Amino acid sequence: MSPKVLLDDLREARRSSVDLPPKVLRSKKRTWVRFHRKVDETGLFLSFVRQLFGFGLSIQLSSVHTLPGIGVYDWFCLRTEKSPRQIAKWLALPVSAPSKIPQVAFQSIDLMAQDKDEWVISFRGKDQRGLLLNAAQSLVEENLGLRWRAPIPGANRLMTSSASGLRARCNRFLTD
């Protein structure tokens, strides 16, 4: 996706006083979905992942941010043969009952490091349907709300915080 497309969309999110509808784009055989909310809340990332999962869409990576003056600005790269138009129609439907979360197995969930403000947690598991959904659900169950998640080579990183302000950074959220 071109930097100009991203910059124009980010400017639109900054100027908007309301939540923008999801945006679906195809670029170089990749399908991208953007979610925007002016106000962040615990479980929002989970609801986005659950919605995409409920439509049978496979999330390859995500870039999740909560930005001052913009709000939640999350992009998901999907592996799908569905057209952007079809995905946009699905996302325009009223949100239905949550998808059932499949049982998955993590090879390990480890506390890698911690200090008074942050935890570094590693979720490791073989690629399987529902792995990201399970990890996101686990964080919500522990009252950890996602702040950001950005791709890094060979791993993924997420930053979370609880209602009390505790932050946890989760490295290698999903691995091959």
N, C-alpha and C. Protein backbone atom coordinates (compact mmCIF):
# COMPACT_ATOMS: atom_id res chain seq x y z
N MET A 1 0.85 -1.17 0.00
CA MET A 1 0.00 0.00 0.00
C MET A 1 0.90 1.23 0.00
N SER A 2 0.52 2.21 -0.77
CA SER A 2 1.40 3.37 -0.93
C SER A 2 1.35 4.28 0.31
N PRO A 3 2.46 4.94 0.59
CA PRO A 3 2.48 5.88 1.70
C PRO A 3 1.43 7.00 1.53
N LYS A 4 1.17 7.42 0.30
CA LYS A 4 0.18 8.47 0.06
C LYS A 4 -1.22 8.02 0.50
N VAL A 5 -1.59 6.79 0.17
CA VAL A 5 -2.90 6.26 0.58
C VAL A 5 -3.00 6.25 2.10
N LEU A 6 -1.95 5.77 2.76
CA LEU A 6 -1.95 5.73 4.22
C LEU A 6 -2.01 7.13 4.83
N LEU A 7 -1.22 8.04 4.30
CA LEU A 7 -1.19 9.40 4.83
C LEU A 7 -2.54 10.09 4.64
N ASP A 8 -3.15 9.94 3.47
CA ASP A 8 -4.47 10.54 3.23
C ASP A 8 -5.52 9.97 4.18
N ASP A 9 -5.45 8.66 4.41
CA ASP A 9 -6.42 8.02 5.32
C ASP A 9 -6.20 8.48 6.76
N LEU A 10 -4.95 8.58 7.16
CA LEU A 10 -4.63 9.05 8.51
C LEU A 10 -5.10 10.48 8.71
N ARG A 11 -4.93 11.31 7.71
CA ARG A 11 -5.43 12.70 7.79
C ARG A 11 -6.94 12.72 7.94
N GLU A 12 -7.62 11.86 7.18
CA GLU A 12 -9.08 11.79 7.29
C GLU A 12 -9.50 11.38 8.70
N ALA A 13 -8.81 10.42 9.29
CA ALA A 13 -9.11 9.98 10.65
C ALA A 13 -8.87 11.11 11.65
N ARG A 14 -7.81 11.88 11.44
CA ARG A 14 -7.51 12.99 12.35
C ARG A 14 -8.57 14.08 12.26
N ARG A 15 -9.06 14.38 11.05
CA ARG A 15 -10.06 15.43 10.87
C ARG A 15 -11.46 15.01 11.32
N SER A 16 -11.71 13.72 11.34
CA SER A 16 -13.05 13.23 11.65
C SER A 16 -13.38 13.39 13.13
N SER A 17 -14.63 13.77 13.41
CA SER A 17 -15.07 13.86 14.80
C SER A 17 -15.84 12.61 15.21
N VAL A 18 -16.02 11.68 14.27
CA VAL A 18 -16.74 10.42 14.54
C VAL A 18 -15.89 9.25 14.04
N ASP A 19 -16.29 8.04 14.42
CA ASP A 19 -15.62 6.84 13.95
C ASP A 19 -15.79 6.72 12.44
N LEU A 20 -14.70 6.41 11.75
CA LEU A 20 -14.78 6.17 10.31
C LEU A 20 -15.24 4.74 10.07
N PRO A 21 -15.99 4.51 8.99
CA PRO A 21 -16.36 3.12 8.67
C PRO A 21 -15.11 2.35 8.26
N PRO A 22 -15.14 1.02 8.37
CA PRO A 22 -13.98 0.24 7.94
C PRO A 22 -13.64 0.52 6.48
N LYS A 23 -12.36 0.51 6.20
CA LYS A 23 -11.88 0.71 4.83
C LYS A 23 -11.24 -0.60 4.38
N VAL A 24 -11.54 -1.03 3.16
CA VAL A 24 -10.98 -2.26 2.61
C VAL A 24 -10.28 -1.93 1.30
N LEU A 25 -9.00 -2.29 1.21
CA LEU A 25 -8.19 -2.01 0.02
C LEU A 25 -7.44 -3.27 -0.40
N ARG A 26 -7.19 -3.38 -1.69
CA ARG A 26 -6.32 -4.45 -2.18
C ARG A 26 -5.11 -3.79 -2.81
N SER A 27 -3.94 -4.28 -2.43
CA SER A 27 -2.69 -3.75 -2.95
C SER A 27 -1.70 -4.90 -3.11
N LYS A 28 -1.20 -5.06 -4.31
CA LYS A 28 -0.20 -6.11 -4.58
C LYS A 28 -0.64 -7.47 -4.06
N LYS A 29 -1.85 -7.86 -4.38
CA LYS A 29 -2.42 -9.16 -4.02
C LYS A 29 -2.63 -9.33 -2.52
N ARG A 30 -2.56 -8.26 -1.78
CA ARG A 30 -2.86 -8.30 -0.34
C ARG A 30 -4.12 -7.50 -0.10
N THR A 31 -4.93 -7.98 0.81
CA THR A 31 -6.14 -7.26 1.18
C THR A 31 -5.93 -6.66 2.56
N TRP A 32 -6.22 -5.37 2.68
CA TRP A 32 -6.03 -4.64 3.93
C TRP A 32 -7.37 -4.10 4.42
N VAL A 33 -7.59 -4.20 5.72
CA VAL A 33 -8.80 -3.64 6.35
C VAL A 33 -8.35 -2.69 7.44
N ARG A 34 -8.94 -1.48 7.44
CA ARG A 34 -8.65 -0.50 8.47
C ARG A 34 -9.89 -0.26 9.33
N PHE A 35 -9.68 -0.34 10.65
CA PHE A 35 -10.72 0.01 11.61
C PHE A 35 -10.29 1.29 12.31
N HIS A 36 -11.24 2.16 12.59
CA HIS A 36 -10.96 3.42 13.29
C HIS A 36 -12.03 3.67 14.34
N ARG A 37 -11.61 4.03 15.53
CA ARG A 37 -12.52 4.44 16.60
C ARG A 37 -11.89 5.64 17.29
N LYS A 38 -12.68 6.66 17.52
CA LYS A 38 -12.17 7.86 18.19
C LYS A 38 -11.78 7.57 19.64
N VAL A 39 -12.49 6.64 20.28
CA VAL A 39 -12.25 6.33 21.68
C VAL A 39 -11.82 4.87 21.82
N ASP A 40 -10.70 4.65 22.49
CA ASP A 40 -10.21 3.30 22.74
C ASP A 40 -10.92 2.72 23.95
N GLU A 41 -11.06 1.42 23.97
CA GLU A 41 -11.63 0.74 25.14
C GLU A 41 -11.10 -0.68 25.18
N THR A 42 -11.06 -1.25 26.37
CA THR A 42 -10.60 -2.62 26.53
C THR A 42 -11.46 -3.55 25.70
N GLY A 43 -10.82 -4.45 24.98
CA GLY A 43 -11.53 -5.44 24.18
C GLY A 43 -11.80 -5.03 22.75
N LEU A 44 -11.42 -3.82 22.36
CA LEU A 44 -11.70 -3.35 21.00
C LEU A 44 -10.92 -4.17 19.96
N PHE A 45 -9.63 -4.40 20.21
CA PHE A 45 -8.84 -5.24 19.30
C PHE A 45 -9.47 -6.62 19.17
N LEU A 46 -9.88 -7.18 20.29
CA LEU A 46 -10.55 -8.49 20.28
C LEU A 46 -11.80 -8.45 19.41
N SER A 47 -12.58 -7.39 19.51
CA SER A 47 -13.81 -7.32 18.71
C SER A 47 -13.50 -7.24 17.22
N PHE A 48 -12.44 -6.53 16.84
CA PHE A 48 -12.04 -6.46 15.42
C PHE A 48 -11.60 -7.84 14.93
N VAL A 49 -10.74 -8.50 15.72
CA VAL A 49 -10.25 -9.83 15.34
C VAL A 49 -11.41 -10.81 15.26
N ARG A 50 -12.30 -10.76 16.24
CA ARG A 50 -13.46 -11.66 16.27
C ARG A 50 -14.36 -11.44 15.04
N GLN A 51 -14.55 -10.18 14.64
CA GLN A 51 -15.39 -9.88 13.48
C GLN A 51 -14.76 -10.46 12.21
N LEU A 52 -13.48 -10.25 12.01
CA LEU A 52 -12.81 -10.78 10.82
C LEU A 52 -12.81 -12.31 10.84
N PHE A 53 -12.55 -12.89 12.00
CA PHE A 53 -12.56 -14.34 12.15
C PHE A 53 -13.94 -14.91 11.84
N GLY A 54 -14.99 -14.22 12.29
CA GLY A 54 -16.36 -14.66 12.07
C GLY A 54 -16.74 -14.73 10.60
N PHE A 55 -16.07 -13.96 9.76
CA PHE A 55 -16.31 -14.00 8.31
C PHE A 55 -15.38 -15.00 7.63
N GLY A 56 -14.60 -15.73 8.42
CA GLY A 56 -13.70 -16.73 7.85
C GLY A 56 -12.45 -16.14 7.22
N LEU A 57 -12.09 -14.93 7.62
CA LEU A 57 -10.92 -14.25 7.05
C LEU A 57 -9.68 -14.55 7.89
N SER A 58 -8.58 -14.82 7.22
CA SER A 58 -7.33 -15.17 7.88
C SER A 58 -6.45 -13.93 8.01
N ILE A 59 -6.12 -13.56 9.23
CA ILE A 59 -5.29 -12.38 9.49
C ILE A 59 -3.82 -12.79 9.41
N GLN A 60 -3.08 -12.13 8.52
CA GLN A 60 -1.66 -12.41 8.35
C GLN A 60 -0.80 -11.54 9.26
N LEU A 61 -1.18 -10.29 9.40
CA LEU A 61 -0.49 -9.39 10.32
C LEU A 61 -1.40 -8.22 10.63
N SER A 62 -1.06 -7.51 11.67
CA SER A 62 -1.82 -6.32 12.01
C SER A 62 -0.88 -5.25 12.52
N SER A 63 -1.30 -4.02 12.33
CA SER A 63 -0.59 -2.87 12.87
C SER A 63 -1.63 -2.07 13.63
N VAL A 64 -1.49 -2.03 14.93
CA VAL A 64 -2.52 -1.49 15.80
C VAL A 64 -1.95 -0.33 16.60
N HIS A 65 -2.65 0.80 16.55
CA HIS A 65 -2.17 1.99 17.25
C HIS A 65 -3.32 2.74 17.90
N THR A 66 -3.06 3.35 19.03
CA THR A 66 -3.95 4.34 19.63
C THR A 66 -3.16 5.64 19.62
N LEU A 67 -3.62 6.58 18.80
CA LEU A 67 -2.86 7.80 18.55
C LEU A 67 -3.57 9.03 19.11
N PRO A 68 -2.84 9.94 19.77
CA PRO A 68 -3.46 11.16 20.29
C PRO A 68 -4.13 11.95 19.16
N GLY A 69 -5.35 12.39 19.40
CA GLY A 69 -6.09 13.18 18.43
C GLY A 69 -6.71 12.39 17.29
N ILE A 70 -6.39 11.11 17.20
CA ILE A 70 -6.92 10.25 16.14
C ILE A 70 -7.75 9.12 16.72
N GLY A 71 -7.23 8.51 17.77
CA GLY A 71 -7.92 7.37 18.38
C GLY A 71 -7.32 6.06 17.92
N VAL A 72 -8.13 5.04 17.90
CA VAL A 72 -7.70 3.71 17.48
C VAL A 72 -7.60 3.70 15.96
N TYR A 73 -6.46 3.26 15.47
CA TYR A 73 -6.20 3.24 14.03
C TYR A 73 -5.51 1.92 13.72
N ASP A 74 -6.29 0.90 13.37
CA ASP A 74 -5.81 -0.47 13.23
C ASP A 74 -5.93 -0.96 11.79
N TRP A 75 -4.86 -1.52 11.27
CA TRP A 75 -4.86 -2.12 9.94
C TRP A 75 -4.60 -3.62 10.08
N PHE A 76 -5.33 -4.41 9.29
CA PHE A 76 -5.17 -5.86 9.27
C PHE A 76 -4.90 -6.29 7.83
N CYS A 77 -3.87 -7.11 7.63
CA CYS A 77 -3.58 -7.70 6.33
C CYS A 77 -4.19 -9.10 6.33
N LEU A 78 -5.03 -9.37 5.33
CA LEU A 78 -5.77 -10.62 5.27
C LEU A 78 -5.28 -11.51 4.13
N ARG A 79 -5.39 -12.81 4.33
CA ARG A 79 -5.19 -13.76 3.24
C ARG A 79 -6.58 -14.22 2.83
N THR A 80 -7.01 -13.79 1.65
CA THR A 80 -8.36 -14.12 1.19
C THR A 80 -8.47 -13.96 -0.32
N GLU A 81 -9.37 -14.71 -0.89
CA GLU A 81 -9.72 -14.56 -2.30
C GLU A 81 -10.95 -13.67 -2.45
N LYS A 82 -11.59 -13.30 -1.34
CA LYS A 82 -12.78 -12.45 -1.38
C LYS A 82 -12.40 -11.06 -1.88
N SER A 83 -13.33 -10.44 -2.57
CA SER A 83 -13.08 -9.10 -3.10
C SER A 83 -13.20 -8.06 -1.99
N PRO A 84 -12.49 -6.95 -2.12
CA PRO A 84 -12.65 -5.87 -1.14
C PRO A 84 -14.11 -5.43 -1.02
N ARG A 85 -14.82 -5.43 -2.12
CA ARG A 85 -16.23 -5.03 -2.10
C ARG A 85 -17.06 -5.97 -1.21
N GLN A 86 -16.83 -7.30 -1.34
CA GLN A 86 -17.56 -8.27 -0.52
C GLN A 86 -17.22 -8.09 0.96
N ILE A 87 -15.95 -7.91 1.27
CA ILE A 87 -15.55 -7.74 2.66
C ILE A 87 -16.16 -6.46 3.23
N ALA A 88 -16.16 -5.39 2.45
CA ALA A 88 -16.76 -4.13 2.90
C ALA A 88 -18.25 -4.32 3.19
N LYS A 89 -18.95 -5.09 2.36
CA LYS A 89 -20.38 -5.37 2.61
C LYS A 89 -20.56 -6.12 3.92
N TRP A 90 -19.72 -7.11 4.16
CA TRP A 90 -19.81 -7.87 5.41
C TRP A 90 -19.58 -6.96 6.61
N LEU A 91 -18.57 -6.11 6.52
CA LEU A 91 -18.23 -5.24 7.65
C LEU A 91 -19.29 -4.17 7.90
N ALA A 92 -20.12 -3.89 6.90
CA ALA A 92 -21.20 -2.91 7.06
C ALA A 92 -22.42 -3.52 7.75
N LEU A 93 -22.46 -4.85 7.86
CA LEU A 93 -23.58 -5.51 8.53
C LEU A 93 -23.52 -5.24 10.03
N PRO A 94 -24.67 -5.28 10.71
CA PRO A 94 -24.64 -5.13 12.17
C PRO A 94 -23.80 -6.26 12.78
N VAL A 95 -23.07 -5.92 13.81
CA VAL A 95 -22.24 -6.92 14.48
C VAL A 95 -23.16 -7.95 15.12
N SER A 96 -22.92 -9.21 14.80
CA SER A 96 -23.76 -10.28 15.34
C SER A 96 -23.13 -10.87 16.59
N ALA A 97 -23.73 -11.94 17.05
CA ALA A 97 -23.21 -12.61 18.25
C ALA A 97 -21.75 -12.99 18.02
N PRO A 98 -20.94 -12.94 19.06
CA PRO A 98 -19.52 -13.25 18.91
C PRO A 98 -19.30 -14.66 18.36
N SER A 99 -18.27 -14.78 17.53
CA SER A 99 -17.88 -16.09 17.02
C SER A 99 -17.37 -16.94 18.16
N LYS A 100 -17.65 -18.23 18.07
CA LYS A 100 -17.11 -19.15 19.07
C LYS A 100 -15.60 -19.23 18.86
N ILE A 101 -14.88 -19.16 19.94
CA ILE A 101 -13.43 -19.20 19.86
C ILE A 101 -12.98 -20.66 19.87
N PRO A 102 -12.28 -21.10 18.81
CA PRO A 102 -11.86 -22.50 18.76
C PRO A 102 -10.78 -22.78 19.80
N GLN A 103 -10.70 -24.02 20.20
CA GLN A 103 -9.64 -24.44 21.12
C GLN A 103 -8.34 -24.55 20.33
N VAL A 104 -7.30 -23.92 20.83
CA VAL A 104 -5.98 -24.00 20.21
C VAL A 104 -4.97 -24.29 21.30
N ALA A 105 -3.81 -24.71 20.89
CA ALA A 105 -2.74 -24.99 21.85
C ALA A 105 -1.56 -24.06 21.58
N PHE A 106 -1.13 -23.38 22.62
CA PHE A 106 0.11 -22.62 22.55
C PHE A 106 1.21 -23.56 23.00
N GLN A 107 2.36 -23.47 22.35
CA GLN A 107 3.49 -24.26 22.80
C GLN A 107 4.00 -23.74 24.13
N SER A 108 3.94 -22.42 24.30
CA SER A 108 4.32 -21.82 25.58
C SER A 108 3.79 -20.40 25.68
N ILE A 109 3.57 -19.98 26.91
CA ILE A 109 3.26 -18.58 27.23
C ILE A 109 4.21 -18.24 28.37
N ASP A 110 5.17 -17.37 28.08
CA ASP A 110 6.23 -17.10 29.04
C ASP A 110 6.34 -15.62 29.37
N LEU A 111 6.62 -15.33 30.65
CA LEU A 111 6.96 -13.99 31.08
C LEU A 111 8.45 -13.83 30.81
N MET A 112 8.79 -13.00 29.83
CA MET A 112 10.17 -12.86 29.41
C MET A 112 10.94 -11.85 30.27
N ALA A 113 10.26 -10.78 30.68
CA ALA A 113 10.88 -9.74 31.50
C ALA A 113 9.78 -8.91 32.13
N GLN A 114 10.13 -8.21 33.19
CA GLN A 114 9.16 -7.32 33.81
C GLN A 114 9.86 -6.27 34.64
N ASP A 115 9.20 -5.14 34.77
CA ASP A 115 9.59 -4.12 35.73
C ASP A 115 8.30 -3.60 36.33
N LYS A 116 8.35 -2.49 37.06
CA LYS A 116 7.15 -2.02 37.74
C LYS A 116 6.05 -1.56 36.79
N ASP A 117 6.40 -1.21 35.55
CA ASP A 117 5.42 -0.70 34.60
C ASP A 117 5.12 -1.62 33.43
N GLU A 118 6.03 -2.53 33.11
CA GLU A 118 5.86 -3.34 31.90
C GLU A 118 6.15 -4.81 32.14
N TRP A 119 5.46 -5.61 31.37
CA TRP A 119 5.74 -7.04 31.27
C TRP A 119 6.03 -7.34 29.82
N VAL A 120 6.97 -8.24 29.57
CA VAL A 120 7.19 -8.76 28.23
C VAL A 120 6.75 -10.22 28.28
N ILE A 121 5.71 -10.53 27.50
CA ILE A 121 5.12 -11.87 27.51
C ILE A 121 5.27 -12.46 26.12
N SER A 122 5.64 -13.72 26.05
CA SER A 122 5.78 -14.42 24.78
C SER A 122 4.70 -15.49 24.67
N PHE A 123 3.88 -15.41 23.61
CA PHE A 123 2.92 -16.46 23.26
C PHE A 123 3.54 -17.19 22.07
N ARG A 124 3.77 -18.48 22.19
CA ARG A 124 4.34 -19.25 21.08
C ARG A 124 3.40 -20.39 20.73
N GLY A 125 3.24 -20.57 19.43
CA GLY A 125 2.40 -21.68 18.98
C GLY A 125 2.52 -21.86 17.49
N LYS A 126 2.24 -23.06 17.03
CA LYS A 126 2.21 -23.32 15.59
C LYS A 126 1.03 -22.58 15.00
N ASP A 127 1.18 -22.16 13.74
CA ASP A 127 0.11 -21.44 13.06
C ASP A 127 -1.13 -22.32 13.01
N GLN A 128 -2.22 -21.83 13.56
CA GLN A 128 -3.49 -22.56 13.55
C GLN A 128 -4.63 -21.57 13.62
N ARG A 129 -5.75 -21.95 13.04
CA ARG A 129 -6.92 -21.09 12.97
C ARG A 129 -7.37 -20.72 14.38
N GLY A 130 -7.50 -19.42 14.64
CA GLY A 130 -7.98 -18.95 15.93
C GLY A 130 -6.91 -18.63 16.95
N LEU A 131 -5.64 -18.76 16.59
CA LEU A 131 -4.56 -18.52 17.55
C LEU A 131 -4.54 -17.06 18.01
N LEU A 132 -4.60 -16.13 17.07
CA LEU A 132 -4.62 -14.71 17.44
C LEU A 132 -5.87 -14.38 18.25
N LEU A 133 -7.00 -14.94 17.87
CA LEU A 133 -8.25 -14.71 18.59
C LEU A 133 -8.13 -15.20 20.03
N ASN A 134 -7.54 -16.37 20.24
CA ASN A 134 -7.35 -16.90 21.59
C ASN A 134 -6.41 -16.03 22.41
N ALA A 135 -5.33 -15.58 21.81
CA ALA A 135 -4.38 -14.73 22.54
C ALA A 135 -5.04 -13.41 22.93
N ALA A 136 -5.79 -12.81 22.00
CA ALA A 136 -6.48 -11.54 22.30
C ALA A 136 -7.51 -11.74 23.40
N GLN A 137 -8.25 -12.85 23.34
CA GLN A 137 -9.24 -13.16 24.38
C GLN A 137 -8.56 -13.33 25.74
N SER A 138 -7.42 -14.01 25.76
CA SER A 138 -6.69 -14.22 27.01
C SER A 138 -6.27 -12.89 27.64
N LEU A 139 -5.82 -11.96 26.82
CA LEU A 139 -5.41 -10.65 27.34
C LEU A 139 -6.60 -9.90 27.94
N VAL A 140 -7.74 -9.95 27.26
CA VAL A 140 -8.94 -9.28 27.77
C VAL A 140 -9.38 -9.91 29.09
N GLU A 141 -9.33 -11.24 29.18
CA GLU A 141 -9.71 -11.92 30.42
C GLU A 141 -8.82 -11.52 31.59
N GLU A 142 -7.60 -11.10 31.30
CA GLU A 142 -6.68 -10.65 32.35
C GLU A 142 -6.73 -9.14 32.54
N ASN A 143 -7.76 -8.49 31.97
CA ASN A 143 -7.94 -7.03 32.05
C ASN A 143 -6.79 -6.26 31.44
N LEU A 144 -6.21 -6.81 30.39
CA LEU A 144 -5.16 -6.12 29.65
C LEU A 144 -5.75 -5.63 28.34
N GLY A 145 -5.69 -4.33 28.12
CA GLY A 145 -6.21 -3.75 26.89
C GLY A 145 -5.07 -3.41 25.94
N LEU A 146 -5.25 -3.72 24.69
CA LEU A 146 -4.21 -3.52 23.70
C LEU A 146 -3.99 -2.05 23.40
N ARG A 147 -2.76 -1.63 23.41
CA ARG A 147 -2.39 -0.26 23.02
C ARG A 147 -1.88 -0.26 21.59
N TRP A 148 -0.91 -1.12 21.30
CA TRP A 148 -0.43 -1.21 19.93
C TRP A 148 0.19 -2.57 19.70
N ARG A 149 0.20 -2.93 18.43
CA ARG A 149 0.84 -4.17 17.99
C ARG A 149 1.41 -3.89 16.62
N ALA A 150 2.69 -4.05 16.47
CA ALA A 150 3.33 -3.76 15.19
C ALA A 150 4.21 -4.92 14.77
N PRO A 151 4.25 -5.23 13.48
CA PRO A 151 5.09 -6.33 13.02
C PRO A 151 6.57 -6.02 13.17
N ILE A 152 7.32 -7.02 13.57
CA ILE A 152 8.78 -6.94 13.59
C ILE A 152 9.29 -8.22 12.93
N PRO A 153 10.50 -8.21 12.38
CA PRO A 153 10.99 -9.40 11.67
C PRO A 153 10.96 -10.64 12.55
N GLY A 154 10.32 -11.69 12.05
CA GLY A 154 10.30 -12.96 12.74
C GLY A 154 9.40 -13.03 13.95
N ALA A 155 8.71 -11.95 14.27
CA ALA A 155 7.87 -11.94 15.46
C ALA A 155 6.87 -10.81 15.36
N ASN A 156 6.00 -10.74 16.32
CA ASN A 156 5.06 -9.63 16.42
C ASN A 156 5.14 -9.09 17.83
N ARG A 157 4.77 -7.84 17.99
CA ARG A 157 4.86 -7.21 19.30
C ARG A 157 3.53 -6.56 19.61
N LEU A 158 3.12 -6.66 20.84
CA LEU A 158 1.95 -5.90 21.25
C LEU A 158 2.21 -5.20 22.55
N MET A 159 1.56 -4.08 22.72
CA MET A 159 1.62 -3.33 23.96
C MET A 159 0.22 -3.28 24.52
N THR A 160 0.10 -3.62 25.78
CA THR A 160 -1.21 -3.62 26.40
C THR A 160 -1.16 -2.85 27.70
N SER A 161 -2.30 -2.47 28.18
CA SER A 161 -2.36 -1.85 29.50
C SER A 161 -3.66 -2.24 30.16
N SER A 162 -3.63 -2.36 31.45
CA SER A 162 -4.84 -2.70 32.18
C SER A 162 -5.52 -1.42 32.62
N ALA A 163 -6.68 -1.58 33.24
CA ALA A 163 -7.42 -0.42 33.72
C ALA A 163 -6.60 0.38 34.73
N SER A 164 -5.71 -0.28 35.44
CA SER A 164 -4.90 0.41 36.43
C SER A 164 -3.66 1.05 35.83
N GLY A 165 -3.50 0.94 34.53
CA GLY A 165 -2.36 1.56 33.88
C GLY A 165 -1.17 0.64 33.69
N LEU A 166 -1.26 -0.59 34.18
CA LEU A 166 -0.17 -1.54 34.00
C LEU A 166 -0.01 -1.83 32.51
N ARG A 167 1.22 -1.82 32.04
CA ARG A 167 1.45 -2.09 30.62
C ARG A 167 2.22 -3.39 30.46
N ALA A 168 1.83 -4.14 29.47
CA ALA A 168 2.57 -5.35 29.14
C ALA A 168 2.91 -5.33 27.67
N ARG A 169 4.12 -5.62 27.37
CA ARG A 169 4.53 -5.70 25.97
C ARG A 169 4.72 -7.18 25.65
N CYS A 170 3.99 -7.68 24.68
CA CYS A 170 4.05 -9.10 24.33
C CYS A 170 4.85 -9.28 23.04
N ASN A 171 6.05 -9.85 23.17
CA ASN A 171 6.87 -10.14 21.99
C ASN A 171 6.54 -11.53 21.46
N ARG A 172 6.73 -11.68 20.19
CA ARG A 172 6.49 -12.95 19.51
C ARG A 172 5.11 -13.48 19.82
N PHE A 173 4.10 -12.64 19.59
CA PHE A 173 2.70 -12.99 19.87
C PHE A 173 2.30 -14.22 19.09
N LEU A 174 2.65 -14.28 17.84
CA LEU A 174 2.43 -15.46 17.01
C LEU A 174 3.73 -15.76 16.29
N THR A 175 4.09 -17.01 16.24
CA THR A 175 5.29 -17.39 15.49
C THR A 175 4.93 -18.52 14.55
N ASP A 176 5.76 -18.69 13.55
CA ASP A 176 5.52 -19.79 12.59
C ASP A 176 5.82 -21.12 13.23
